[in-house]
Amino acid sequence: MKLSSQIRSISYLKAHAAEIVRNLSKQQEPLIITQNGEAKVVIQDIESYEQTQRTIALLKILSLGIHQIEEGKVLPAEDVIKGLRERRENR
């Protein structure tokens, strides 16, 4: 994805909103909107946004897991499985 081809001014957005929405859905690439020559916002289709949010959530979980490993807050899988089986049997 080459972002330089996905930059438009806010006046272009105002004049071509419907076309932009159609293209965002087809291309699934973000569009950068500028105001007074400065990048101000990024617009993207909902599917891409949702995928980005899922990716961020997975990365947070991964980071948390790595942090817990570094702090020694983990147990061997065998111990966890054994504990779960014991809890189930005691019900």
C-alpha atoms as a PDB file:
ATOM      1  CA  MET A   1       0.000   0.000   0.000  1.00  0.00           C
ATOM      2  CA  LYS A   2       1.460   3.309  -1.081  1.00  0.00           C
ATOM      3  CA  LEU A   3       0.005   6.016   1.129  1.00  0.00           C
ATOM      4  CA  SER A   4       1.047   8.889  -1.112  1.00  0.00           C
ATOM      5  CA  SER A   5      -1.648   7.854  -3.587  1.00  0.00           C
ATOM      6  CA  GLN A   6      -4.242   7.821  -0.806  1.00  0.00           C
ATOM      7  CA  ILE A   7      -4.049  11.474   0.285  1.00  0.00           C
ATOM      8  CA  ARG A   8      -6.867  13.914  -0.405  1.00  0.00           C
ATOM      9  CA  SER A   9      -7.811  17.366   0.849  1.00  0.00           C
ATOM     10  CA  ILE A  10     -10.850  17.991   2.984  1.00  0.00           C
ATOM     11  CA  SER A  11     -12.416  19.949   0.121  1.00  0.00           C
ATOM     12  CA  TYR A  12     -12.040  16.865  -2.109  1.00  0.00           C
ATOM     13  CA  LEU A  13     -13.748  14.809   0.592  1.00  0.00           C
ATOM     14  CA  LYS A  14     -16.648  17.257   0.736  1.00  0.00           C
ATOM     15  CA  ALA A  15     -17.096  17.237  -3.027  1.00  0.00           C
ATOM     16  CA  HIS A  16     -16.706  13.478  -3.557  1.00  0.00           C
ATOM     17  CA  ALA A  17     -17.970  11.843  -0.346  1.00  0.00           C
ATOM     18  CA  ALA A  18     -20.177   9.194  -2.009  1.00  0.00           C
ATOM     19  CA  GLU A  19     -17.435   8.208  -4.465  1.00  0.00           C
ATOM     20  CA  ILE A  20     -14.878   7.990  -1.656  1.00  0.00           C
ATOM     21  CA  VAL A  21     -17.123   5.699   0.401  1.00  0.00           C
ATOM     22  CA  ARG A  22     -17.620   3.384  -2.597  1.00  0.00           C
ATOM     23  CA  ASN A  23     -13.891   3.271  -3.305  1.00  0.00           C
ATOM     24  CA  LEU A  24     -12.952   2.641   0.325  1.00  0.00           C
ATOM     25  CA  SER A  25     -15.177  -0.437   0.370  1.00  0.00           C
ATOM     26  CA  LYS A  26     -13.673  -1.766  -2.845  1.00  0.00           C
ATOM     27  CA  GLN A  27     -10.007  -0.941  -2.252  1.00  0.00           C
ATOM     28  CA  GLN A  28      -9.906  -1.581   1.515  1.00  0.00           C
ATOM     29  CA  GLU A  29      -7.099   0.943   1.886  1.00  0.00           C
ATOM     30  CA  PRO A  30      -7.195   3.927   4.228  1.00  0.00           C
ATOM     31  CA  LEU A  31      -7.578   7.451   2.911  1.00  0.00           C
ATOM     32  CA  ILE A  32      -5.672  10.309   4.519  1.00  0.00           C
ATOM     33  CA  ILE A  33      -7.516  13.627   4.648  1.00  0.00           C
ATOM     34  CA  THR A  34      -5.537  16.853   4.864  1.00  0.00           C
ATOM     35  CA  GLN A  35      -6.541  20.271   6.092  1.00  0.00           C
ATOM     36  CA  ASN A  36      -4.381  23.259   5.243  1.00  0.00           C
ATOM     37  CA  GLY A  37      -1.751  20.872   3.887  1.00  0.00           C
ATOM     38  CA  GLU A  38      -1.486  18.826   7.109  1.00  0.00           C
ATOM     39  CA  ALA A  39      -2.675  15.264   7.550  1.00  0.00           C
ATOM     40  CA  LYS A  40      -5.621  15.399   9.970  1.00  0.00           C
ATOM     41  CA  VAL A  41      -7.645  12.183   9.756  1.00  0.00           C
ATOM     42  CA  VAL A  42      -7.599   8.709   8.308  1.00  0.00           C
ATOM     43  CA  ILE A  43     -10.755   7.179   6.864  1.00  0.00           C
ATOM     44  CA  GLN A  44     -11.127   3.459   6.251  1.00  0.00           C
ATOM     45  CA  ASP A  45     -13.875   0.978   5.473  1.00  0.00           C
ATOM     46  CA  ILE A  46     -15.565  -0.812   8.365  1.00  0.00           C
ATOM     47  CA  GLU A  47     -14.169  -4.268   7.545  1.00  0.00           C
ATOM     48  CA  SER A  48     -10.597  -2.985   7.579  1.00  0.00           C
ATOM     49  CA  TYR A  49     -11.268  -1.089  10.796  1.00  0.00           C
ATOM     50  CA  GLU A  50     -12.682  -4.181  12.491  1.00  0.00           C
ATOM     51  CA  GLN A  51      -9.716  -6.268  11.332  1.00  0.00           C
ATOM     52  CA  THR A  52      -7.344  -3.636  12.701  1.00  0.00           C
ATOM     53  CA  GLN A  53      -9.160  -3.699  16.059  1.00  0.00           C
ATOM     54  CA  ARG A  54      -8.966  -7.512  16.218  1.00  0.00           C
ATOM     55  CA  THR A  55      -5.254  -7.382  15.411  1.00  0.00           C
ATOM     56  CA  ILE A  56      -4.637  -4.793  18.123  1.00  0.00           C
ATOM     57  CA  ALA A  57      -6.559  -6.912  20.650  1.00  0.00           C
ATOM     58  CA  LEU A  58      -4.490  -9.991  19.804  1.00  0.00           C
ATOM     59  CA  LEU A  59      -1.263  -8.021  20.087  1.00  0.00           C
ATOM     60  CA  LYS A  60      -2.315  -6.745  23.518  1.00  0.00           C
ATOM     61  CA  ILE A  61      -3.030 -10.295  24.680  1.00  0.00           C
ATOM     62  CA  LEU A  62       0.324 -11.445  23.320  1.00  0.00           C
ATOM     63  CA  SER A  63       2.110  -8.576  25.050  1.00  0.00           C
ATOM     64  CA  LEU A  64       0.377  -9.355  28.327  1.00  0.00           C
ATOM     65  CA  GLY A  65       1.401 -13.006  28.034  1.00  0.00           C
ATOM     66  CA  ILE A  66       5.026 -12.092  27.367  1.00  0.00           C
ATOM     67  CA  HIS A  67       4.979  -9.719  30.337  1.00  0.00           C
ATOM     68  CA  GLN A  68       3.577 -12.445  32.597  1.00  0.00           C
ATOM     69  CA  ILE A  69       6.249 -14.892  31.410  1.00  0.00           C
ATOM     70  CA  GLU A  70       8.976 -12.350  32.140  1.00  0.00           C
ATOM     71  CA  GLU A  71       7.583 -11.851  35.665  1.00  0.00           C
ATOM     72  CA  GLY A  72       7.375 -15.599  36.258  1.00  0.00           C
ATOM     73  CA  LYS A  73       3.602 -15.542  36.621  1.00  0.00           C
ATOM     74  CA  VAL A  74       3.094 -18.776  34.699  1.00  0.00           C
ATOM     75  CA  LEU A  75       2.568 -22.423  35.519  1.00  0.00           C
ATOM     76  CA  PRO A  76       3.501 -25.492  33.519  1.00  0.00           C
ATOM     77  CA  ALA A  77       0.602 -26.662  31.326  1.00  0.00           C
ATOM     78  CA  GLU A  78       0.591 -30.056  33.047  1.00  0.00           C
ATOM     79  CA  ASP A  79      -0.061 -28.423  36.432  1.00  0.00           C
ATOM     80  CA  VAL A  80      -2.900 -26.303  35.051  1.00  0.00           C
ATOM     81  CA  ILE A  81      -4.569 -29.289  33.360  1.00  0.00           C
ATOM     82  CA  LYS A  82      -4.183 -31.372  36.508  1.00  0.00           C
ATOM     83  CA  GLY A  83      -5.760 -28.614  38.599  1.00  0.00           C
ATOM     84  CA  LEU A  84      -8.670 -28.237  36.186  1.00  0.00           C
ATOM     85  CA  ARG A  85      -9.326 -31.972  36.241  1.00  0.00           C
ATOM     86  CA  GLU A  86      -9.260 -32.021  40.040  1.00  0.00           C
ATOM     87  CA  ARG A  87     -11.736 -29.127  40.207  1.00  0.00           C
ATOM     88  CA  ARG A  88     -14.056 -30.890  37.777  1.00  0.00           C
ATOM     89  CA  GLU A  89     -13.922 -34.135  39.776  1.00  0.00           C
ATOM     90  CA  ASN A  90     -14.676 -32.322  43.043  1.00  0.00           C
ATOM     91  CA  ARG A  91     -17.937 -30.875  41.726  1.00  0.00           C
END
